[in-house]
Amino acid sequence: MSHYEWLNAINNFNFEDKSVLIIGAGNIAKQYTQALSLMNVNDLTILSRSANRLKNLSKKYNFKSLSGGFEKHLSNLGQFDLVVVATPIDLLIQATESCIKAGQTNILIEKPVSINYGEIESLARKITSQKVRVGYNRLVYPNFHKLQQLINQEGGITSASYSFTEWIHRIDFSKYSEEILQHWGIANSLHVISMAHNLIGFPADITAHKSGQLSWHPSGTIFTGIGITKKDIPFSYHSDWTAPGRWSIEIMTQENTFSLKPLEKLFKCPKNSVQWEEIPFNVAYPAAKQGITEEIAIMLDESKGNKPDLVTLDEAASYCKLAEKIFGYEK
């Protein structure tokens, strides 16, 4: 069974006897709550500092709730089959360390864990026997694994390009600290960068250029670069935060150019053609945000089958380092 086929089959798995704790009650926690409800996970607890957010969530979903923060409650809770850490970025590491101290052993942390790769590496060194993974949900999109399947059938990738233009007019600045906004490339653009480099590998050599600046993002507004990966695949990228555009990835093989634009779909342009064709693929839980049910299933499934793994802390630190290079955050 391929990874794509495994992801298609997760709606046949039985998770009714599993227990899950979500730390946080924001939009991401809502997406996990919806996914867990669709997967018939009945033993769900949500822990948040905000009683109002818990109240809003509980109107739609049935779960146990605890307000007052993870510092207050974690040490008094029993073992869960899965803990999802979905706090604001500033609290992700602190909450995860508290989970480890409280004896939790299966932990999924929301991306990017931290905007500082040194903090991620430090957290990784504290892991002993626990399974800790990072929620880069786009890396388990069904179309992404369908693409990987097609790439393998066509002999591999010859080259690639990607774009991570940000819609800065849509950012709710009231939700983020100054430090997070100054590192918005790590906080948000890594969605695309991680997808591209999961396919083509990390750079062996990269030349990065940047220009422009914003009051809240002084490192730049336009980012371009070229490089070659450790898999010997040439790549380029482009992002202009001052112009219209959208996230996208193009992958070239000897037979087709494949396009993820939008990232949730898959298209191909065959050799000797200029026509783009949409490629169909199956999704186990179409009512959920793509990648969320897939992440949960990977973390809860105890079989030894051929399933995809999620991003490790070491890999998350490497993505963070790469973003520092691309966006000029290096000190």
C-alpha atoms as a PDB file:
ATOM      1  CA  MET A   1       0.000   0.000   0.000  1.00  0.00           C
ATOM      2  CA  SER A   2       1.397   3.411  -1.005  1.00  0.00           C
ATOM      3  CA  HIS A   3       1.253   6.447   1.277  1.00  0.00           C
ATOM      4  CA  TYR A   4      -1.470   7.886  -0.965  1.00  0.00           C
ATOM      5  CA  GLU A   5      -3.546   4.707  -0.628  1.00  0.00           C
ATOM      6  CA  TRP A   6      -3.025   4.654   3.149  1.00  0.00           C
ATOM      7  CA  LEU A   7      -4.296   8.234   3.439  1.00  0.00           C
ATOM      8  CA  ASN A   8      -7.350   7.323   1.332  1.00  0.00           C
ATOM      9  CA  ALA A   9      -8.196   4.487   3.746  1.00  0.00           C
ATOM     10  CA  ILE A  10      -8.174   6.373   7.061  1.00  0.00           C
ATOM     11  CA  ASN A  11     -11.969   6.745   7.094  1.00  0.00           C
ATOM     12  CA  ASN A  12     -12.083   2.968   7.596  1.00  0.00           C
ATOM     13  CA  PHE A  13     -10.039   3.145  10.815  1.00  0.00           C
ATOM     14  CA  ASN A  14     -11.741   3.003  14.215  1.00  0.00           C
ATOM     15  CA  PHE A  15     -10.611   5.694  16.643  1.00  0.00           C
ATOM     16  CA  GLU A  16     -13.710   5.702  18.869  1.00  0.00           C
ATOM     17  CA  ASP A  17     -11.801   4.455  21.915  1.00  0.00           C
ATOM     18  CA  LYS A  18      -9.023   7.050  21.638  1.00  0.00           C
ATOM     19  CA  SER A  19      -8.599  10.022  23.962  1.00  0.00           C
ATOM     20  CA  VAL A  20      -7.317  13.374  22.720  1.00  0.00           C
ATOM     21  CA  LEU A  21      -6.338  16.591  24.486  1.00  0.00           C
ATOM     22  CA  ILE A  22      -6.139  19.858  22.562  1.00  0.00           C
ATOM     23  CA  ILE A  23      -4.259  22.743  24.173  1.00  0.00           C
ATOM     24  CA  GLY A  24      -5.609  25.983  22.733  1.00  0.00           C
ATOM     25  CA  ALA A  25      -9.049  27.105  21.561  1.00  0.00           C
ATOM     26  CA  GLY A  26      -8.339  29.308  18.545  1.00  0.00           C
ATOM     27  CA  ASN A  27      -9.071  28.702  14.865  1.00  0.00           C
ATOM     28  CA  ILE A  28      -6.578  25.840  14.522  1.00  0.00           C
ATOM     29  CA  ALA A  29      -8.036  24.095  17.572  1.00  0.00           C
ATOM     30  CA  LYS A  30     -11.462  24.458  15.960  1.00  0.00           C
ATOM     31  CA  GLN A  31     -10.192  22.693  12.837  1.00  0.00           C
ATOM     32  CA  TYR A  32      -8.846  19.810  14.933  1.00  0.00           C
ATOM     33  CA  THR A  33     -12.107  19.631  16.883  1.00  0.00           C
ATOM     34  CA  GLN A  34     -14.128  19.380  13.679  1.00  0.00           C
ATOM     35  CA  ALA A  35     -11.795  16.701  12.305  1.00  0.00           C
ATOM     36  CA  LEU A  36     -11.953  14.634  15.511  1.00  0.00           C
ATOM     37  CA  SER A  37     -15.745  14.840  15.477  1.00  0.00           C
ATOM     38  CA  LEU A  38     -15.830  13.519  11.892  1.00  0.00           C
ATOM     39  CA  MET A  39     -13.490  10.695  12.952  1.00  0.00           C
ATOM     40  CA  ASN A  40     -15.843   9.744  15.825  1.00  0.00           C
ATOM     41  CA  VAL A  41     -13.286  10.425  18.550  1.00  0.00           C
ATOM     42  CA  ASN A  42     -15.589  10.809  21.532  1.00  0.00           C
ATOM     43  CA  ASP A  43     -13.124  11.347  24.382  1.00  0.00           C
ATOM     44  CA  LEU A  44     -11.963  14.894  23.677  1.00  0.00           C
ATOM     45  CA  THR A  45     -10.752  17.492  26.172  1.00  0.00           C
ATOM     46  CA  ILE A  46      -9.869  21.081  25.267  1.00  0.00           C
ATOM     47  CA  LEU A  47      -7.676  23.116  27.574  1.00  0.00           C
ATOM     48  CA  SER A  48      -7.457  26.870  27.108  1.00  0.00           C
ATOM     49  CA  ARG A  49      -6.733  30.064  28.988  1.00  0.00           C
ATOM     50  CA  SER A  50      -9.849  31.641  27.489  1.00  0.00           C
ATOM     51  CA  ALA A  51     -13.223  30.551  28.902  1.00  0.00           C
ATOM     52  CA  ASN A  52     -15.007  32.581  26.190  1.00  0.00           C
ATOM     53  CA  ARG A  53     -13.294  30.727  23.345  1.00  0.00           C
ATOM     54  CA  LEU A  54     -14.135  27.405  24.950  1.00  0.00           C
ATOM     55  CA  LYS A  55     -17.758  28.482  25.265  1.00  0.00           C
ATOM     56  CA  ASN A  56     -17.919  29.407  21.580  1.00  0.00           C
ATOM     57  CA  LEU A  57     -16.402  26.070  20.541  1.00  0.00           C
ATOM     58  CA  SER A  58     -18.625  24.015  22.833  1.00  0.00           C
ATOM     59  CA  LYS A  59     -21.775  25.403  21.212  1.00  0.00           C
ATOM     60  CA  LYS A  60     -21.016  23.280  18.150  1.00  0.00           C
ATOM     61  CA  TYR A  61     -18.955  20.344  19.423  1.00  0.00           C
ATOM     62  CA  ASN A  62     -19.268  18.030  22.399  1.00  0.00           C
ATOM     63  CA  PHE A  63     -16.132  17.898  24.537  1.00  0.00           C
ATOM     64  CA  LYS A  64     -14.816  18.348  28.061  1.00  0.00           C
ATOM     65  CA  SER A  65     -13.349  21.785  28.658  1.00  0.00           C
ATOM     66  CA  LEU A  66     -10.902  23.267  31.126  1.00  0.00           C
ATOM     67  CA  SER A  67     -10.133  26.982  31.298  1.00  0.00           C
ATOM     68  CA  GLY A  68      -7.249  28.645  33.062  1.00  0.00           C
ATOM     69  CA  GLY A  69      -4.307  27.477  30.979  1.00  0.00           C
ATOM     70  CA  PHE A  70      -2.053  24.454  30.613  1.00  0.00           C
ATOM     71  CA  GLU A  71       0.176  25.586  33.499  1.00  0.00           C
ATOM     72  CA  LYS A  72      -2.761  25.146  35.878  1.00  0.00           C
ATOM     73  CA  HIS A  73      -4.209  21.832  34.671  1.00  0.00           C
ATOM     74  CA  LEU A  74      -1.687  19.639  32.826  1.00  0.00           C
ATOM     75  CA  SER A  75      -0.084  18.054  35.863  1.00  0.00           C
ATOM     76  CA  ASN A  76      -3.524  16.924  37.139  1.00  0.00           C
ATOM     77  CA  LEU A  77      -4.656  15.237  33.937  1.00  0.00           C
ATOM     78  CA  GLY A  78      -4.152  11.583  33.097  1.00  0.00           C
ATOM     79  CA  GLN A  79      -2.556  10.055  30.011  1.00  0.00           C
ATOM     80  CA  PHE A  80      -4.066  10.821  26.610  1.00  0.00           C
ATOM     81  CA  ASP A  81      -3.579   8.837  23.408  1.00  0.00           C
ATOM     82  CA  LEU A  82      -2.718  12.119  21.678  1.00  0.00           C
ATOM     83  CA  VAL A  83      -2.031  15.696  22.757  1.00  0.00           C
ATOM     84  CA  VAL A  84      -2.352  18.434  20.135  1.00  0.00           C
ATOM     85  CA  VAL A  85      -0.538  21.660  21.056  1.00  0.00           C
ATOM     86  CA  ALA A  86      -2.331  24.460  19.182  1.00  0.00           C
ATOM     87  CA  THR A  87      -1.477  27.571  21.198  1.00  0.00           C
ATOM     88  CA  PRO A  88      -0.183  30.832  19.706  1.00  0.00           C
ATOM     89  CA  ILE A  89       3.367  30.415  18.347  1.00  0.00           C
ATOM     90  CA  ASP A  90       4.904  32.176  21.356  1.00  0.00           C
ATOM     91  CA  LEU A  91       3.616  29.423  23.692  1.00  0.00           C
ATOM     92  CA  LEU A  92       4.104  26.271  21.596  1.00  0.00           C
ATOM     93  CA  ILE A  93       7.430  25.219  23.124  1.00  0.00           C
ATOM     94  CA  GLN A  94       6.449  26.064  26.703  1.00  0.00           C
ATOM     95  CA  ALA A  95       3.224  24.063  26.373  1.00  0.00           C
ATOM     96  CA  THR A  96       5.052  21.104  24.805  1.00  0.00           C
ATOM     97  CA  GLU A  97       7.650  21.056  27.575  1.00  0.00           C
ATOM     98  CA  SER A  98       4.829  21.053  30.117  1.00  0.00           C
ATOM     99  CA  CYS A  99       3.251  18.077  28.318  1.00  0.00           C
ATOM    100  CA  ILE A 100       6.507  16.136  28.475  1.00  0.00           C
ATOM    101  CA  LYS A 101       6.935  16.972  32.160  1.00  0.00           C
ATOM    102  CA  ALA A 102       3.360  15.790  32.795  1.00  0.00           C
ATOM    103  CA  GLY A 103       4.126  12.403  31.242  1.00  0.00           C
ATOM    104  CA  GLN A 104       2.394  12.728  27.863  1.00  0.00           C
ATOM    105  CA  THR A 105       4.091  10.550  25.242  1.00  0.00           C
ATOM    106  CA  ASN A 106       2.349  11.229  21.900  1.00  0.00           C
ATOM    107  CA  ILE A 107       2.425  14.935  21.029  1.00  0.00           C
ATOM    108  CA  LEU A 108       1.582  16.850  17.852  1.00  0.00           C
ATOM    109  CA  ILE A 109       2.786  20.478  17.872  1.00  0.00           C
ATOM    110  CA  GLU A 110       1.476  23.052  15.465  1.00  0.00           C
ATOM    111  CA  LYS A 111       3.955  24.521  13.003  1.00  0.00           C
ATOM    112  CA  PRO A 112       6.428  26.155  13.061  1.00  0.00           C
ATOM    113  CA  VAL A 113       7.116  25.244  16.754  1.00  0.00           C
ATOM    114  CA  SER A 114       9.205  28.429  17.086  1.00  0.00           C
ATOM    115  CA  ILE A 115      10.567  31.234  14.924  1.00  0.00           C
ATOM    116  CA  ASN A 116      13.993  30.420  16.391  1.00  0.00           C
ATOM    117  CA  TYR A 117      15.566  27.180  15.151  1.00  0.00           C
ATOM    118  CA  GLY A 118      17.837  27.051  18.220  1.00  0.00           C
ATOM    119  CA  GLU A 119      14.769  26.755  20.460  1.00  0.00           C
ATOM    120  CA  ILE A 120      13.463  23.875  18.332  1.00  0.00           C
ATOM    121  CA  GLU A 121      16.814  22.085  18.536  1.00  0.00           C
ATOM    122  CA  SER A 122      16.835  22.608  22.311  1.00  0.00           C
ATOM    123  CA  LEU A 123      13.358  21.066  22.586  1.00  0.00           C
ATOM    124  CA  ALA A 124      14.474  18.106  20.456  1.00  0.00           C
ATOM    125  CA  ARG A 125      17.296  17.383  22.907  1.00  0.00           C
ATOM    126  CA  LYS A 126      14.736  17.048  25.719  1.00  0.00           C
ATOM    127  CA  ILE A 127      12.877  14.235  23.958  1.00  0.00           C
ATOM    128  CA  THR A 128      13.592  10.772  25.366  1.00  0.00           C
ATOM    129  CA  SER A 129      11.027   8.099  24.531  1.00  0.00           C
ATOM    130  CA  GLN A 130       8.181  10.434  23.542  1.00  0.00           C
ATOM    131  CA  LYS A 131       6.849  10.656  19.996  1.00  0.00           C
ATOM    132  CA  VAL A 132       6.775  14.343  19.089  1.00  0.00           C
ATOM    133  CA  ARG A 133       5.846  15.535  15.606  1.00  0.00           C
ATOM    134  CA  VAL A 134       5.103  18.899  13.971  1.00  0.00           C
ATOM    135  CA  GLY A 135       1.817  19.693  12.238  1.00  0.00           C
ATOM    136  CA  TYR A 136       2.829  20.681   8.722  1.00  0.00           C
ATOM    137  CA  ASN A 137      -0.579  19.523   7.497  1.00  0.00           C
ATOM    138  CA  ARG A 138       0.073  20.287   3.827  1.00  0.00           C
ATOM    139  CA  LEU A 139       2.707  17.547   3.751  1.00  0.00           C
ATOM    140  CA  VAL A 140      -0.056  14.985   4.171  1.00  0.00           C
ATOM    141  CA  TYR A 141      -2.475  16.459   1.640  1.00  0.00           C
ATOM    142  CA  PRO A 142      -3.805  13.558  -0.471  1.00  0.00           C
ATOM    143  CA  ASN A 143      -2.997  15.450  -3.705  1.00  0.00           C
ATOM    144  CA  PHE A 144       0.575  15.938  -2.466  1.00  0.00           C
ATOM    145  CA  HIS A 145       1.014  12.180  -2.046  1.00  0.00           C
ATOM    146  CA  LYS A 146      -0.727  11.532  -5.363  1.00  0.00           C
ATOM    147  CA  LEU A 147       1.881  13.830  -6.906  1.00  0.00           C
ATOM    148  CA  GLN A 148       4.702  11.917  -5.216  1.00  0.00           C
ATOM    149  CA  GLN A 149       3.273   8.692  -6.635  1.00  0.00           C
ATOM    150  CA  LEU A 150       3.205  10.145 -10.167  1.00  0.00           C
ATOM    151  CA  ILE A 151       6.723  11.559  -9.824  1.00  0.00           C
ATOM    152  CA  ASN A 152       8.051   8.117  -8.897  1.00  0.00           C
ATOM    153  CA  GLN A 153       6.292   6.563 -11.887  1.00  0.00           C
ATOM    154  CA  GLU A 154       7.909   9.105 -14.224  1.00  0.00           C
ATOM    155  CA  GLY A 155      11.476   8.613 -13.032  1.00  0.00           C
ATOM    156  CA  GLY A 156      11.810  11.521 -10.610  1.00  0.00           C
ATOM    157  CA  ILE A 157      11.984  15.314 -10.607  1.00  0.00           C
ATOM    158  CA  THR A 158      14.189  17.157 -13.102  1.00  0.00           C
ATOM    159  CA  SER A 159      13.639  20.687 -11.707  1.00  0.00           C
ATOM    160  CA  ALA A 160      11.199  22.748  -9.652  1.00  0.00           C
ATOM    161  CA  SER A 161       9.997  26.253  -8.854  1.00  0.00           C
ATOM    162  CA  TYR A 162       7.713  27.708  -6.213  1.00  0.00           C
ATOM    163  CA  SER A 163       6.091  30.971  -5.134  1.00  0.00           C
ATOM    164  CA  PHE A 164       5.129  32.090  -1.629  1.00  0.00           C
ATOM    165  CA  THR A 165       3.629  35.536  -2.246  1.00  0.00           C
ATOM    166  CA  GLU A 166       1.789  36.667   0.894  1.00  0.00           C
ATOM    167  CA  TRP A 167      -1.577  38.431   0.989  1.00  0.00           C
ATOM    168  CA  ILE A 168      -0.402  40.970   3.531  1.00  0.00           C
ATOM    169  CA  HIS A 169      -3.664  42.930   3.296  1.00  0.00           C
ATOM    170  CA  ARG A 170      -5.407  39.928   4.901  1.00  0.00           C
ATOM    171  CA  ILE A 171      -3.191  39.714   8.003  1.00  0.00           C
ATOM    172  CA  ASP A 172      -4.934  40.474  11.298  1.00  0.00           C
ATOM    173  CA  PHE A 173      -2.075  42.361  12.970  1.00  0.00           C
ATOM    174  CA  SER A 174      -3.876  42.411  16.318  1.00  0.00           C
ATOM    175  CA  LYS A 175      -3.360  38.643  16.686  1.00  0.00           C
ATOM    176  CA  TYR A 176       0.439  38.578  16.432  1.00  0.00           C
ATOM    177  CA  SER A 177       3.365  39.963  18.382  1.00  0.00           C
ATOM    178  CA  GLU A 178       5.883  42.294  16.755  1.00  0.00           C
ATOM    179  CA  GLU A 179       8.497  39.516  16.780  1.00  0.00           C
ATOM    180  CA  ILE A 180       6.192  37.044  14.983  1.00  0.00           C
ATOM    181  CA  LEU A 181       5.336  39.628  12.319  1.00  0.00           C
ATOM    182  CA  GLN A 182       9.027  40.412  11.796  1.00  0.00           C
ATOM    183  CA  HIS A 183       9.515  36.690  11.069  1.00  0.00           C
ATOM    184  CA  TRP A 184       6.355  36.199   9.013  1.00  0.00           C
ATOM    185  CA  GLY A 185       8.261  34.088   6.509  1.00  0.00           C
ATOM    186  CA  ILE A 186       8.800  31.451   9.195  1.00  0.00           C
ATOM    187  CA  ALA A 187       5.378  31.902  10.787  1.00  0.00           C
ATOM    188  CA  ASN A 188       3.450  31.525   7.514  1.00  0.00           C
ATOM    189  CA  SER A 189       5.417  31.142   4.246  1.00  0.00           C
ATOM    190  CA  LEU A 190       6.978  27.890   5.445  1.00  0.00           C
ATOM    191  CA  HIS A 191       3.678  26.254   4.454  1.00  0.00           C
ATOM    192  CA  VAL A 192       4.799  26.413   0.823  1.00  0.00           C
ATOM    193  CA  ILE A 193       8.549  26.162   1.321  1.00  0.00           C
ATOM    194  CA  SER A 194       8.180  22.953   3.346  1.00  0.00           C
ATOM    195  CA  MET A 195       6.009  21.358   0.649  1.00  0.00           C
ATOM    196  CA  ALA A 196       8.461  22.179  -2.124  1.00  0.00           C
ATOM    197  CA  HIS A 197      11.543  20.995  -0.260  1.00  0.00           C
ATOM    198  CA  ASN A 198       9.842  17.881   1.071  1.00  0.00           C
ATOM    199  CA  LEU A 199       9.569  16.893  -2.592  1.00  0.00           C
ATOM    200  CA  ILE A 200      12.958  18.056  -3.875  1.00  0.00           C
ATOM    201  CA  GLY A 201      15.139  17.872  -0.752  1.00  0.00           C
ATOM    202  CA  PHE A 202      16.977  20.508   1.277  1.00  0.00           C
ATOM    203  CA  PRO A 203      19.392  22.806  -0.579  1.00  0.00           C
ATOM    204  CA  ALA A 204      23.018  21.814  -1.036  1.00  0.00           C
ATOM    205  CA  ASP A 205      23.616  25.310  -2.419  1.00  0.00           C
ATOM    206  CA  ILE A 206      21.335  28.349  -2.510  1.00  0.00           C
ATOM    207  CA  THR A 207      21.678  31.967  -3.645  1.00  0.00           C
ATOM    208  CA  ALA A 208      19.063  34.219  -2.059  1.00  0.00           C
ATOM    209  CA  HIS A 209      18.178  37.806  -2.980  1.00  0.00           C
ATOM    210  CA  LYS A 210      15.782  40.193  -1.262  1.00  0.00           C
ATOM    211  CA  SER A 211      14.674  43.807  -1.577  1.00  0.00           C
ATOM    212  CA  GLY A 212      12.158  46.268  -0.151  1.00  0.00           C
ATOM    213  CA  GLN A 213      10.884  46.509   3.394  1.00  0.00           C
ATOM    214  CA  LEU A 214       7.771  47.016   5.472  1.00  0.00           C
ATOM    215  CA  SER A 215       7.550  48.709   8.850  1.00  0.00           C
ATOM    216  CA  TRP A 216       6.544  45.389  10.418  1.00  0.00           C
ATOM    217  CA  HIS A 217       8.759  43.198   8.183  1.00  0.00           C
ATOM    218  CA  PRO A 218      12.001  45.145   7.664  1.00  0.00           C
ATOM    219  CA  SER A 219      13.926  42.257   6.098  1.00  0.00           C
ATOM    220  CA  GLY A 220      12.139  42.637   2.753  1.00  0.00           C
ATOM    221  CA  THR A 221       9.061  42.337   0.533  1.00  0.00           C
ATOM    222  CA  ILE A 222      10.487  40.694  -2.612  1.00  0.00           C
ATOM    223  CA  PHE A 223      12.383  37.411  -2.360  1.00  0.00           C
ATOM    224  CA  THR A 224      13.974  35.519  -5.237  1.00  0.00           C
ATOM    225  CA  GLY A 225      16.531  32.768  -5.378  1.00  0.00           C
ATOM    226  CA  ILE A 226      18.005  29.740  -7.103  1.00  0.00           C
ATOM    227  CA  GLY A 227      19.781  26.655  -5.903  1.00  0.00           C
ATOM    228  CA  ILE A 228      20.371  22.950  -6.172  1.00  0.00           C
ATOM    229  CA  THR A 229      19.258  20.395  -3.612  1.00  0.00           C
ATOM    230  CA  LYS A 230      21.033  17.476  -1.982  1.00  0.00           C
ATOM    231  CA  LYS A 231      19.070  15.293  -4.421  1.00  0.00           C
ATOM    232  CA  ASP A 232      20.786  17.206  -7.261  1.00  0.00           C
ATOM    233  CA  ILE A 233      17.534  18.933  -8.311  1.00  0.00           C
ATOM    234  CA  PRO A 234      17.792  22.551  -9.556  1.00  0.00           C
ATOM    235  CA  PHE A 235      15.134  24.899  -8.152  1.00  0.00           C
ATOM    236  CA  SER A 236      14.075  28.536  -8.118  1.00  0.00           C
ATOM    237  CA  TYR A 237      11.612  30.566  -6.074  1.00  0.00           C
ATOM    238  CA  HIS A 238       9.921  33.953  -6.272  1.00  0.00           C
ATOM    239  CA  SER A 239       7.762  35.950  -3.887  1.00  0.00           C
ATOM    240  CA  ASP A 240       6.542  39.537  -4.155  1.00  0.00           C
ATOM    241  CA  TRP A 241       4.503  40.633  -1.168  1.00  0.00           C
ATOM    242  CA  THR A 242       3.669  43.970  -2.853  1.00  0.00           C
ATOM    243  CA  ALA A 243       1.982  42.374  -5.895  1.00  0.00           C
ATOM    244  CA  PRO A 244      -0.990  40.075  -6.541  1.00  0.00           C
ATOM    245  CA  GLY A 245      -0.318  36.360  -6.631  1.00  0.00           C
ATOM    246  CA  ARG A 246      -0.793  33.135  -4.733  1.00  0.00           C
ATOM    247  CA  TRP A 247       1.116  30.204  -3.291  1.00  0.00           C
ATOM    248  CA  SER A 248       2.123  27.646  -5.903  1.00  0.00           C
ATOM    249  CA  ILE A 249       4.583  24.862  -6.710  1.00  0.00           C
ATOM    250  CA  GLU A 250       5.626  23.555 -10.128  1.00  0.00           C
ATOM    251  CA  ILE A 251       7.411  20.234 -10.469  1.00  0.00           C
ATOM    252  CA  MET A 252       8.984  19.107 -13.734  1.00  0.00           C
ATOM    253  CA  THR A 253       9.602  15.512 -14.856  1.00  0.00           C
ATOM    254  CA  GLN A 254      10.594  14.157 -18.256  1.00  0.00           C
ATOM    255  CA  GLU A 255       6.908  13.549 -19.036  1.00  0.00           C
ATOM    256  CA  ASN A 256       4.903  16.346 -17.389  1.00  0.00           C
ATOM    257  CA  THR A 257       4.990  19.616 -15.548  1.00  0.00           C
ATOM    258  CA  PHE A 258       2.837  19.286 -12.430  1.00  0.00           C
ATOM    259  CA  SER A 259       1.244  22.266 -10.706  1.00  0.00           C
ATOM    260  CA  LEU A 260      -0.082  22.717  -7.179  1.00  0.00           C
ATOM    261  CA  LYS A 261      -1.945  25.979  -7.725  1.00  0.00           C
ATOM    262  CA  PRO A 262      -3.847  26.177  -5.480  1.00  0.00           C
ATOM    263  CA  LEU A 263      -1.912  23.896  -3.158  1.00  0.00           C
ATOM    264  CA  GLU A 264      -5.066  21.840  -2.516  1.00  0.00           C
ATOM    265  CA  LYS A 265      -5.394  20.770  -6.171  1.00  0.00           C
ATOM    266  CA  LEU A 266      -3.212  19.018  -8.744  1.00  0.00           C
ATOM    267  CA  PHE A 267      -2.755  19.737 -12.455  1.00  0.00           C
ATOM    268  CA  LYS A 268      -0.435  18.524 -15.194  1.00  0.00           C
ATOM    269  CA  CYS A 269       0.752  19.858 -18.534  1.00  0.00           C
ATOM    270  CA  PRO A 270       2.023  16.965 -20.682  1.00  0.00           C
ATOM    271  CA  LYS A 271       5.029  17.161 -22.965  1.00  0.00           C
ATOM    272  CA  ASN A 272       4.210  18.703 -26.388  1.00  0.00           C
ATOM    273  CA  SER A 273       1.127  20.449 -24.958  1.00  0.00           C
ATOM    274  CA  VAL A 274       0.214  23.808 -23.460  1.00  0.00           C
ATOM    275  CA  GLN A 275      -3.047  22.569 -21.924  1.00  0.00           C
ATOM    276  CA  TRP A 276      -3.349  22.042 -18.176  1.00  0.00           C
ATOM    277  CA  GLU A 277      -5.359  19.016 -17.068  1.00  0.00           C
ATOM    278  CA  GLU A 278      -6.753  18.617 -13.566  1.00  0.00           C
ATOM    279  CA  ILE A 279      -5.785  15.308 -11.946  1.00  0.00           C
ATOM    280  CA  PRO A 280      -8.474  13.726  -9.750  1.00  0.00           C
ATOM    281  CA  PHE A 281      -7.603  12.308  -6.343  1.00  0.00           C
ATOM    282  CA  ASN A 282      -9.475  10.884  -3.359  1.00  0.00           C
ATOM    283  CA  VAL A 283      -9.910  12.507   0.059  1.00  0.00           C
ATOM    284  CA  ALA A 284     -11.015  10.415   3.056  1.00  0.00           C
ATOM    285  CA  TYR A 285     -12.719  13.286   4.916  1.00  0.00           C
ATOM    286  CA  PRO A 286     -13.681  15.992   2.394  1.00  0.00           C
ATOM    287  CA  ALA A 287     -15.642  17.961   5.034  1.00  0.00           C
ATOM    288  CA  ALA A 288     -12.479  18.567   7.111  1.00  0.00           C
ATOM    289  CA  LYS A 289      -9.621  20.943   6.409  1.00  0.00           C
ATOM    290  CA  GLN A 290      -7.208  18.959   4.260  1.00  0.00           C
ATOM    291  CA  GLY A 291      -4.322  17.406   6.131  1.00  0.00           C
ATOM    292  CA  ILE A 292      -5.845  17.605   9.625  1.00  0.00           C
ATOM    293  CA  THR A 293      -7.637  14.238   9.736  1.00  0.00           C
ATOM    294  CA  GLU A 294      -4.591  12.749   8.015  1.00  0.00           C
ATOM    295  CA  GLU A 295      -2.264  14.068  10.741  1.00  0.00           C
ATOM    296  CA  ILE A 296      -4.540  12.765  13.492  1.00  0.00           C
ATOM    297  CA  ALA A 297      -4.765   9.321  11.896  1.00  0.00           C
ATOM    298  CA  ILE A 298      -0.984   9.079  11.543  1.00  0.00           C
ATOM    299  CA  MET A 299      -0.499   9.979  15.206  1.00  0.00           C
ATOM    300  CA  LEU A 300      -3.248   7.673  16.547  1.00  0.00           C
ATOM    301  CA  ASP A 301      -2.747   4.635  14.310  1.00  0.00           C
ATOM    302  CA  GLU A 302      -0.713   1.946  16.060  1.00  0.00           C
ATOM    303  CA  SER A 303      -0.242  -0.377  13.086  1.00  0.00           C
ATOM    304  CA  LYS A 304       3.124  -0.969  11.463  1.00  0.00           C
ATOM    305  CA  GLY A 305       1.766  -0.355   7.973  1.00  0.00           C
ATOM    306  CA  ASN A 306       3.358   1.747   5.247  1.00  0.00           C
ATOM    307  CA  LYS A 307       2.071   5.129   6.368  1.00  0.00           C
ATOM    308  CA  PRO A 308       3.649   8.557   5.946  1.00  0.00           C
ATOM    309  CA  ASP A 309       5.399  10.117   8.920  1.00  0.00           C
ATOM    310  CA  LEU A 310       5.051  13.717  10.046  1.00  0.00           C
ATOM    311  CA  VAL A 311       7.808  16.307  10.415  1.00  0.00           C
ATOM    312  CA  THR A 312      10.261  15.679  13.260  1.00  0.00           C
ATOM    313  CA  LEU A 313      11.649  18.452  15.458  1.00  0.00           C
ATOM    314  CA  ASP A 314      15.029  18.174  13.706  1.00  0.00           C
ATOM    315  CA  GLU A 315      13.333  18.608  10.326  1.00  0.00           C
ATOM    316  CA  ALA A 316      11.309  21.552  11.664  1.00  0.00           C
ATOM    317  CA  ALA A 317      14.557  23.206  12.794  1.00  0.00           C
ATOM    318  CA  SER A 318      16.003  22.668   9.295  1.00  0.00           C
ATOM    319  CA  TYR A 319      12.954  24.302   7.677  1.00  0.00           C
ATOM    320  CA  CYS A 320      13.391  27.228  10.061  1.00  0.00           C
ATOM    321  CA  LYS A 321      17.076  27.576   9.114  1.00  0.00           C
ATOM    322  CA  LEU A 322      16.180  27.516   5.408  1.00  0.00           C
ATOM    323  CA  ALA A 323      13.599  30.271   5.924  1.00  0.00           C
ATOM    324  CA  GLU A 324      16.193  32.376   7.726  1.00  0.00           C
ATOM    325  CA  LYS A 325      18.384  32.144   4.627  1.00  0.00           C
ATOM    326  CA  ILE A 326      15.563  32.931   2.185  1.00  0.00           C
ATOM    327  CA  PHE A 327      14.187  35.887   4.152  1.00  0.00           C
ATOM    328  CA  GLY A 328      17.464  37.281   5.419  1.00  0.00           C
ATOM    329  CA  TYR A 329      16.714  36.720   9.078  1.00  0.00           C
ATOM    330  CA  GLU A 330      20.200  35.383   9.710  1.00  0.00           C
ATOM    331  CA  LYS A 331      22.132  37.428  12.265  1.00  0.00           C
END
